[in-house]
Amino acid sequence: MRPVLHRLSVFMLLSLFAFASARADDADYADTVAVFKAAGESSKFFGKSYGYAVFPTIGKGGIGIGGAHGKGRVYERGAYIGDTSMTQLTIGLQLGGQAYSQIVFFEDKRALDEFTSGNFEFGAQASAVAITAGASASAGTSGSSAGASGGQHDASTVANDFYKGMMVFTVAKGGLMYEASIGGQKFSYTPKE
């Protein structure tokens, strides 16, 4: 039975990675930013942030061994400056799959430079404010909380402020897996050519 679960887990992860690695177009990025701009407190971060990284779709799944992957873009003062990708591997009690959008706000140039320095990683204590329909979540490291109603385009949030120069929000797009943790996410960055 164990080899079957292992094969199923590998298949699920590869499928999610392929789904999340599909090339997003300009409209996908614009639509994702619009969702976060319309989601209550997350909208305020566009006005007070030096920049942000946006991921239209991150695929996540696991059966004992799990992972997540997605591609995004980085913006400095509203201008597109490069591409980023996120990868996360997890081990532990988990089952299911999920697709979600994510945005990382940078409070200042120092935070943006840290993120774009090459390979950036969120530590195990990092959390995100989850914007999901009919659910609440908290980000333990920043004391933030989120509430939501409706669906992806009707999301609302409540958040405090930056934590160590960054603030992260996620919006569930579909699937059955709950977790607001972003600890262990690794990011790579490639400047725009």
C-alpha atoms as a PDB file:
ATOM      1  CA  MET A   1       0.000   0.000   0.000  1.00  0.00           C
ATOM      2  CA  ARG A   2       2.841   2.400   0.846  1.00  0.00           C
ATOM      3  CA  PRO A   3       4.405   2.326  -2.700  1.00  0.00           C
ATOM      4  CA  VAL A   4       0.991   3.192  -4.162  1.00  0.00           C
ATOM      5  CA  LEU A   5       0.658   6.210  -1.854  1.00  0.00           C
ATOM      6  CA  HIS A   6       4.185   7.307  -2.708  1.00  0.00           C
ATOM      7  CA  ARG A   7       3.474   7.111  -6.460  1.00  0.00           C
ATOM      8  CA  LEU A   8       0.181   8.950  -5.986  1.00  0.00           C
ATOM      9  CA  SER A   9       1.954  11.653  -3.970  1.00  0.00           C
ATOM     10  CA  VAL A  10       4.634  12.105  -6.633  1.00  0.00           C
ATOM     11  CA  PHE A  11       1.997  12.222  -9.394  1.00  0.00           C
ATOM     12  CA  MET A  12      -0.068  14.784  -7.466  1.00  0.00           C
ATOM     13  CA  LEU A  13       2.956  17.003  -6.838  1.00  0.00           C
ATOM     14  CA  LEU A  14       4.109  16.863 -10.445  1.00  0.00           C
ATOM     15  CA  SER A  15       0.598  17.687 -11.653  1.00  0.00           C
ATOM     16  CA  LEU A  16       0.330  20.663  -9.303  1.00  0.00           C
ATOM     17  CA  PHE A  17       3.782  21.919 -10.278  1.00  0.00           C
ATOM     18  CA  ALA A  18       2.895  21.672 -13.972  1.00  0.00           C
ATOM     19  CA  PHE A  19      -0.374  23.540 -13.347  1.00  0.00           C
ATOM     20  CA  ALA A  20       1.339  26.286 -11.337  1.00  0.00           C
ATOM     21  CA  SER A  21       4.227  26.554 -13.803  1.00  0.00           C
ATOM     22  CA  ALA A  22       1.949  27.382 -16.707  1.00  0.00           C
ATOM     23  CA  ARG A  23       2.947  30.764 -18.090  1.00  0.00           C
ATOM     24  CA  ALA A  24       0.689  33.484 -16.732  1.00  0.00           C
ATOM     25  CA  ASP A  25      -0.023  36.401 -19.030  1.00  0.00           C
ATOM     26  CA  ASP A  26      -0.342  40.109 -18.242  1.00  0.00           C
ATOM     27  CA  ALA A  27      -4.092  39.711 -17.679  1.00  0.00           C
ATOM     28  CA  ASP A  28      -3.505  37.010 -15.029  1.00  0.00           C
ATOM     29  CA  TYR A  29      -1.215  39.363 -13.097  1.00  0.00           C
ATOM     30  CA  ALA A  30      -3.623  42.287 -13.449  1.00  0.00           C
ATOM     31  CA  ASP A  31      -6.564  40.131 -12.287  1.00  0.00           C
ATOM     32  CA  THR A  32      -4.601  38.843  -9.265  1.00  0.00           C
ATOM     33  CA  VAL A  33      -3.542  42.358  -8.240  1.00  0.00           C
ATOM     34  CA  ALA A  34      -7.180  43.492  -8.608  1.00  0.00           C
ATOM     35  CA  VAL A  35      -8.305  40.737  -6.206  1.00  0.00           C
ATOM     36  CA  PHE A  36      -5.824  41.883  -3.561  1.00  0.00           C
ATOM     37  CA  LYS A  37      -6.664  45.571  -4.137  1.00  0.00           C
ATOM     38  CA  ALA A  38     -10.339  44.786  -3.498  1.00  0.00           C
ATOM     39  CA  ALA A  39      -9.706  42.670  -0.377  1.00  0.00           C
ATOM     40  CA  GLY A  40     -10.000  45.172   2.466  1.00  0.00           C
ATOM     41  CA  GLU A  41      -6.789  45.765   4.388  1.00  0.00           C
ATOM     42  CA  SER A  42      -4.527  44.202   1.762  1.00  0.00           C
ATOM     43  CA  SER A  43      -5.496  47.070  -0.553  1.00  0.00           C
ATOM     44  CA  LYS A  44      -3.855  49.572   1.828  1.00  0.00           C
ATOM     45  CA  PHE A  45      -0.474  47.891   1.359  1.00  0.00           C
ATOM     46  CA  PHE A  46      -0.320  48.955  -2.291  1.00  0.00           C
ATOM     47  CA  GLY A  47      -0.149  52.599  -1.172  1.00  0.00           C
ATOM     48  CA  LYS A  48       2.388  52.159   1.611  1.00  0.00           C
ATOM     49  CA  SER A  49       4.680  49.507   0.105  1.00  0.00           C
ATOM     50  CA  TYR A  50       7.911  50.080  -1.785  1.00  0.00           C
ATOM     51  CA  GLY A  51       7.108  47.074  -3.977  1.00  0.00           C
ATOM     52  CA  TYR A  52       5.565  43.624  -4.138  1.00  0.00           C
ATOM     53  CA  ALA A  53       5.854  40.147  -5.654  1.00  0.00           C
ATOM     54  CA  VAL A  54       2.653  38.607  -7.011  1.00  0.00           C
ATOM     55  CA  PHE A  55       1.953  34.951  -7.824  1.00  0.00           C
ATOM     56  CA  PRO A  56      -1.294  34.380  -9.801  1.00  0.00           C
ATOM     57  CA  THR A  57      -1.275  30.620  -9.073  1.00  0.00           C
ATOM     58  CA  ILE A  58       0.683  28.487  -6.655  1.00  0.00           C
ATOM     59  CA  GLY A  59      -0.107  24.775  -6.711  1.00  0.00           C
ATOM     60  CA  LYS A  60       0.208  22.912  -3.409  1.00  0.00           C
ATOM     61  CA  GLY A  61      -0.417  19.299  -2.506  1.00  0.00           C
ATOM     62  CA  GLY A  62       0.711  16.352  -0.542  1.00  0.00           C
ATOM     63  CA  ILE A  63       0.199  12.902   0.837  1.00  0.00           C
ATOM     64  CA  GLY A  64       2.719  12.619   3.666  1.00  0.00           C
ATOM     65  CA  ILE A  65       5.298  14.380   1.477  1.00  0.00           C
ATOM     66  CA  GLY A  66       4.093  17.601  -0.045  1.00  0.00           C
ATOM     67  CA  GLY A  67       5.165  20.659  -1.890  1.00  0.00           C
ATOM     68  CA  ALA A  68       4.160  23.851  -3.608  1.00  0.00           C
ATOM     69  CA  HIS A  69       5.374  25.744  -6.656  1.00  0.00           C
ATOM     70  CA  GLY A  70       4.463  28.896  -8.520  1.00  0.00           C
ATOM     71  CA  LYS A  71       5.855  31.636 -10.749  1.00  0.00           C
ATOM     72  CA  GLY A  72       5.394  35.353 -10.278  1.00  0.00           C
ATOM     73  CA  ARG A  73       6.577  38.872 -10.990  1.00  0.00           C
ATOM     74  CA  VAL A  74       8.288  41.465  -8.833  1.00  0.00           C
ATOM     75  CA  TYR A  75       7.293  45.142  -8.924  1.00  0.00           C
ATOM     76  CA  GLU A  76       9.208  48.145  -7.564  1.00  0.00           C
ATOM     77  CA  ARG A  77       7.100  51.282  -7.091  1.00  0.00           C
ATOM     78  CA  GLY A  78       4.551  49.798  -9.519  1.00  0.00           C
ATOM     79  CA  ALA A  79       7.070  48.970 -12.272  1.00  0.00           C
ATOM     80  CA  TYR A  80       7.740  45.359 -13.297  1.00  0.00           C
ATOM     81  CA  ILE A  81      11.435  44.644 -12.571  1.00  0.00           C
ATOM     82  CA  GLY A  82      11.795  40.854 -12.784  1.00  0.00           C
ATOM     83  CA  ASP A  83      10.488  37.334 -12.407  1.00  0.00           C
ATOM     84  CA  THR A  84      10.393  35.120  -9.347  1.00  0.00           C
ATOM     85  CA  SER A  85       9.537  31.521  -8.596  1.00  0.00           C
ATOM     86  CA  MET A  86       8.593  29.870  -5.313  1.00  0.00           C
ATOM     87  CA  THR A  87       9.194  26.275  -4.246  1.00  0.00           C
ATOM     88  CA  GLN A  88       8.265  24.638  -0.951  1.00  0.00           C
ATOM     89  CA  LEU A  89       8.726  21.052   0.237  1.00  0.00           C
ATOM     90  CA  THR A  90       6.977  19.708   3.332  1.00  0.00           C
ATOM     91  CA  ILE A  91       7.006  16.459   5.272  1.00  0.00           C
ATOM     92  CA  GLY A  92       4.366  15.487   7.808  1.00  0.00           C
ATOM     93  CA  LEU A  93       0.699  14.727   8.217  1.00  0.00           C
ATOM     94  CA  GLN A  94      -0.965  16.209   5.131  1.00  0.00           C
ATOM     95  CA  LEU A  95      -3.429  15.182   2.485  1.00  0.00           C
ATOM     96  CA  GLY A  96      -4.975  17.112  -0.356  1.00  0.00           C
ATOM     97  CA  GLY A  97      -4.259  19.708  -2.967  1.00  0.00           C
ATOM     98  CA  GLN A  98      -4.886  23.402  -3.359  1.00  0.00           C
ATOM     99  CA  ALA A  99      -4.284  26.287  -5.735  1.00  0.00           C
ATOM    100  CA  TYR A 100      -3.902  29.791  -4.361  1.00  0.00           C
ATOM    101  CA  SER A 101      -2.664  33.272  -5.244  1.00  0.00           C
ATOM    102  CA  GLN A 102      -0.055  35.010  -3.110  1.00  0.00           C
ATOM    103  CA  ILE A 103       1.330  38.524  -2.779  1.00  0.00           C
ATOM    104  CA  VAL A 104       4.388  39.595  -0.784  1.00  0.00           C
ATOM    105  CA  PHE A 105       4.566  43.316   0.049  1.00  0.00           C
ATOM    106  CA  PHE A 106       7.932  44.985   0.710  1.00  0.00           C
ATOM    107  CA  GLU A 107       7.909  47.857   3.177  1.00  0.00           C
ATOM    108  CA  ASP A 108      11.066  49.507   1.856  1.00  0.00           C
ATOM    109  CA  LYS A 109      13.997  49.144  -0.550  1.00  0.00           C
ATOM    110  CA  ARG A 110      15.923  47.068   2.014  1.00  0.00           C
ATOM    111  CA  ALA A 111      13.159  44.427   2.116  1.00  0.00           C
ATOM    112  CA  LEU A 112      12.898  44.368  -1.695  1.00  0.00           C
ATOM    113  CA  ASP A 113      16.683  44.055  -2.012  1.00  0.00           C
ATOM    114  CA  GLU A 114      16.680  41.174   0.484  1.00  0.00           C
ATOM    115  CA  PHE A 115      14.003  39.350  -1.543  1.00  0.00           C
ATOM    116  CA  THR A 116      15.728  39.958  -4.915  1.00  0.00           C
ATOM    117  CA  SER A 117      19.262  39.209  -3.693  1.00  0.00           C
ATOM    118  CA  GLY A 118      19.240  35.743  -5.241  1.00  0.00           C
ATOM    119  CA  ASN A 119      17.719  32.981  -3.174  1.00  0.00           C
ATOM    120  CA  PHE A 120      15.413  34.239  -0.430  1.00  0.00           C
ATOM    121  CA  GLU A 121      13.665  31.920   2.046  1.00  0.00           C
ATOM    122  CA  PHE A 122      10.940  32.519   4.618  1.00  0.00           C
ATOM    123  CA  GLY A 123      11.835  30.959   7.955  1.00  0.00           C
ATOM    124  CA  ALA A 124       9.700  28.340   9.664  1.00  0.00           C
ATOM    125  CA  GLN A 125       8.026  30.990  11.857  1.00  0.00           C
ATOM    126  CA  ALA A 126       6.701  33.053   8.920  1.00  0.00           C
ATOM    127  CA  SER A 127       2.963  33.110   8.275  1.00  0.00           C
ATOM    128  CA  ALA A 128       0.542  34.636   5.810  1.00  0.00           C
ATOM    129  CA  VAL A 129      -2.831  36.291   6.167  1.00  0.00           C
ATOM    130  CA  ALA A 130      -5.189  33.850   4.454  1.00  0.00           C
ATOM    131  CA  ILE A 131      -8.075  35.361   2.522  1.00  0.00           C
ATOM    132  CA  THR A 132     -10.493  32.462   2.050  1.00  0.00           C
ATOM    133  CA  ALA A 133     -14.228  32.201   1.695  1.00  0.00           C
ATOM    134  CA  GLY A 134     -15.965  31.406   4.953  1.00  0.00           C
ATOM    135  CA  ALA A 135     -12.797  31.001   7.004  1.00  0.00           C
ATOM    136  CA  SER A 136     -10.567  32.872   9.384  1.00  0.00           C
ATOM    137  CA  ALA A 137      -6.837  32.632   9.880  1.00  0.00           C
ATOM    138  CA  SER A 138      -4.100  34.329  11.823  1.00  0.00           C
ATOM    139  CA  ALA A 139      -0.504  35.134  11.139  1.00  0.00           C
ATOM    140  CA  GLY A 140       1.214  34.343  14.401  1.00  0.00           C
ATOM    141  CA  THR A 141       4.423  36.209  13.693  1.00  0.00           C
ATOM    142  CA  SER A 142       2.749  39.529  12.985  1.00  0.00           C
ATOM    143  CA  GLY A 143      -0.395  39.232  15.067  1.00  0.00           C
ATOM    144  CA  SER A 144      -2.522  39.671  11.952  1.00  0.00           C
ATOM    145  CA  SER A 145      -5.855  38.049  11.360  1.00  0.00           C
ATOM    146  CA  ALA A 146      -8.104  37.595   8.378  1.00  0.00           C
ATOM    147  CA  GLY A 147     -11.785  37.093   7.849  1.00  0.00           C
ATOM    148  CA  ALA A 148     -13.518  36.535   4.564  1.00  0.00           C
ATOM    149  CA  SER A 149     -16.848  36.189   2.865  1.00  0.00           C
ATOM    150  CA  GLY A 150     -17.985  35.145  -0.576  1.00  0.00           C
ATOM    151  CA  GLY A 151     -15.393  33.888  -3.043  1.00  0.00           C
ATOM    152  CA  GLN A 152     -12.068  34.945  -4.487  1.00  0.00           C
ATOM    153  CA  HIS A 153     -13.461  38.164  -5.948  1.00  0.00           C
ATOM    154  CA  ASP A 154     -15.391  39.041  -2.768  1.00  0.00           C
ATOM    155  CA  ALA A 155     -12.570  38.506  -0.287  1.00  0.00           C
ATOM    156  CA  SER A 156     -12.005  40.854   2.624  1.00  0.00           C
ATOM    157  CA  THR A 157      -9.140  41.023   5.088  1.00  0.00           C
ATOM    158  CA  VAL A 158      -8.046  42.603   8.332  1.00  0.00           C
ATOM    159  CA  ALA A 159      -4.313  43.004   8.896  1.00  0.00           C
ATOM    160  CA  ASN A 160      -1.973  44.914  11.140  1.00  0.00           C
ATOM    161  CA  ASP A 161       1.330  45.874   9.547  1.00  0.00           C
ATOM    162  CA  PHE A 162       4.630  44.664   8.129  1.00  0.00           C
ATOM    163  CA  TYR A 163       6.693  42.064   9.923  1.00  0.00           C
ATOM    164  CA  LYS A 164      10.440  42.337   9.316  1.00  0.00           C
ATOM    165  CA  GLY A 165       9.731  44.525   6.301  1.00  0.00           C
ATOM    166  CA  MET A 166       7.329  42.116   4.570  1.00  0.00           C
ATOM    167  CA  MET A 167       3.635  41.264   4.643  1.00  0.00           C
ATOM    168  CA  VAL A 168       2.133  38.244   2.881  1.00  0.00           C
ATOM    169  CA  PHE A 169      -1.464  37.599   1.819  1.00  0.00           C
ATOM    170  CA  THR A 170      -2.898  34.493   0.138  1.00  0.00           C
ATOM    171  CA  VAL A 171      -6.225  33.888  -1.608  1.00  0.00           C
ATOM    172  CA  ALA A 172      -7.464  30.311  -2.044  1.00  0.00           C
ATOM    173  CA  LYS A 173      -8.502  29.549  -5.617  1.00  0.00           C
ATOM    174  CA  GLY A 174      -9.644  25.956  -5.152  1.00  0.00           C
ATOM    175  CA  GLY A 175      -8.883  22.595  -3.642  1.00  0.00           C
ATOM    176  CA  LEU A 176      -9.152  21.031  -0.239  1.00  0.00           C
ATOM    177  CA  MET A 177      -6.154  21.765   1.960  1.00  0.00           C
ATOM    178  CA  TYR A 178      -5.916  24.357   4.707  1.00  0.00           C
ATOM    179  CA  GLU A 179      -2.719  25.973   5.845  1.00  0.00           C
ATOM    180  CA  ALA A 180      -1.736  29.637   6.222  1.00  0.00           C
ATOM    181  CA  SER A 181       1.921  28.869   6.911  1.00  0.00           C
ATOM    182  CA  ILE A 182       4.499  30.037   4.389  1.00  0.00           C
ATOM    183  CA  GLY A 183       7.525  28.868   6.381  1.00  0.00           C
ATOM    184  CA  GLY A 184      10.100  27.105   4.258  1.00  0.00           C
ATOM    185  CA  GLN A 185       9.148  28.802   0.993  1.00  0.00           C
ATOM    186  CA  LYS A 186      12.225  29.420  -1.176  1.00  0.00           C
ATOM    187  CA  PHE A 187      12.234  32.113  -3.834  1.00  0.00           C
ATOM    188  CA  SER A 188      14.511  32.718  -6.797  1.00  0.00           C
ATOM    189  CA  TYR A 189      14.686  35.981  -8.719  1.00  0.00           C
ATOM    190  CA  THR A 190      15.677  36.868 -12.266  1.00  0.00           C
ATOM    191  CA  PRO A 191      15.867  40.562 -13.289  1.00  0.00           C
ATOM    192  CA  LYS A 192      13.798  41.689 -16.281  1.00  0.00           C
ATOM    193  CA  GLU A 193      15.829  41.660 -19.488  1.00  0.00           C
END
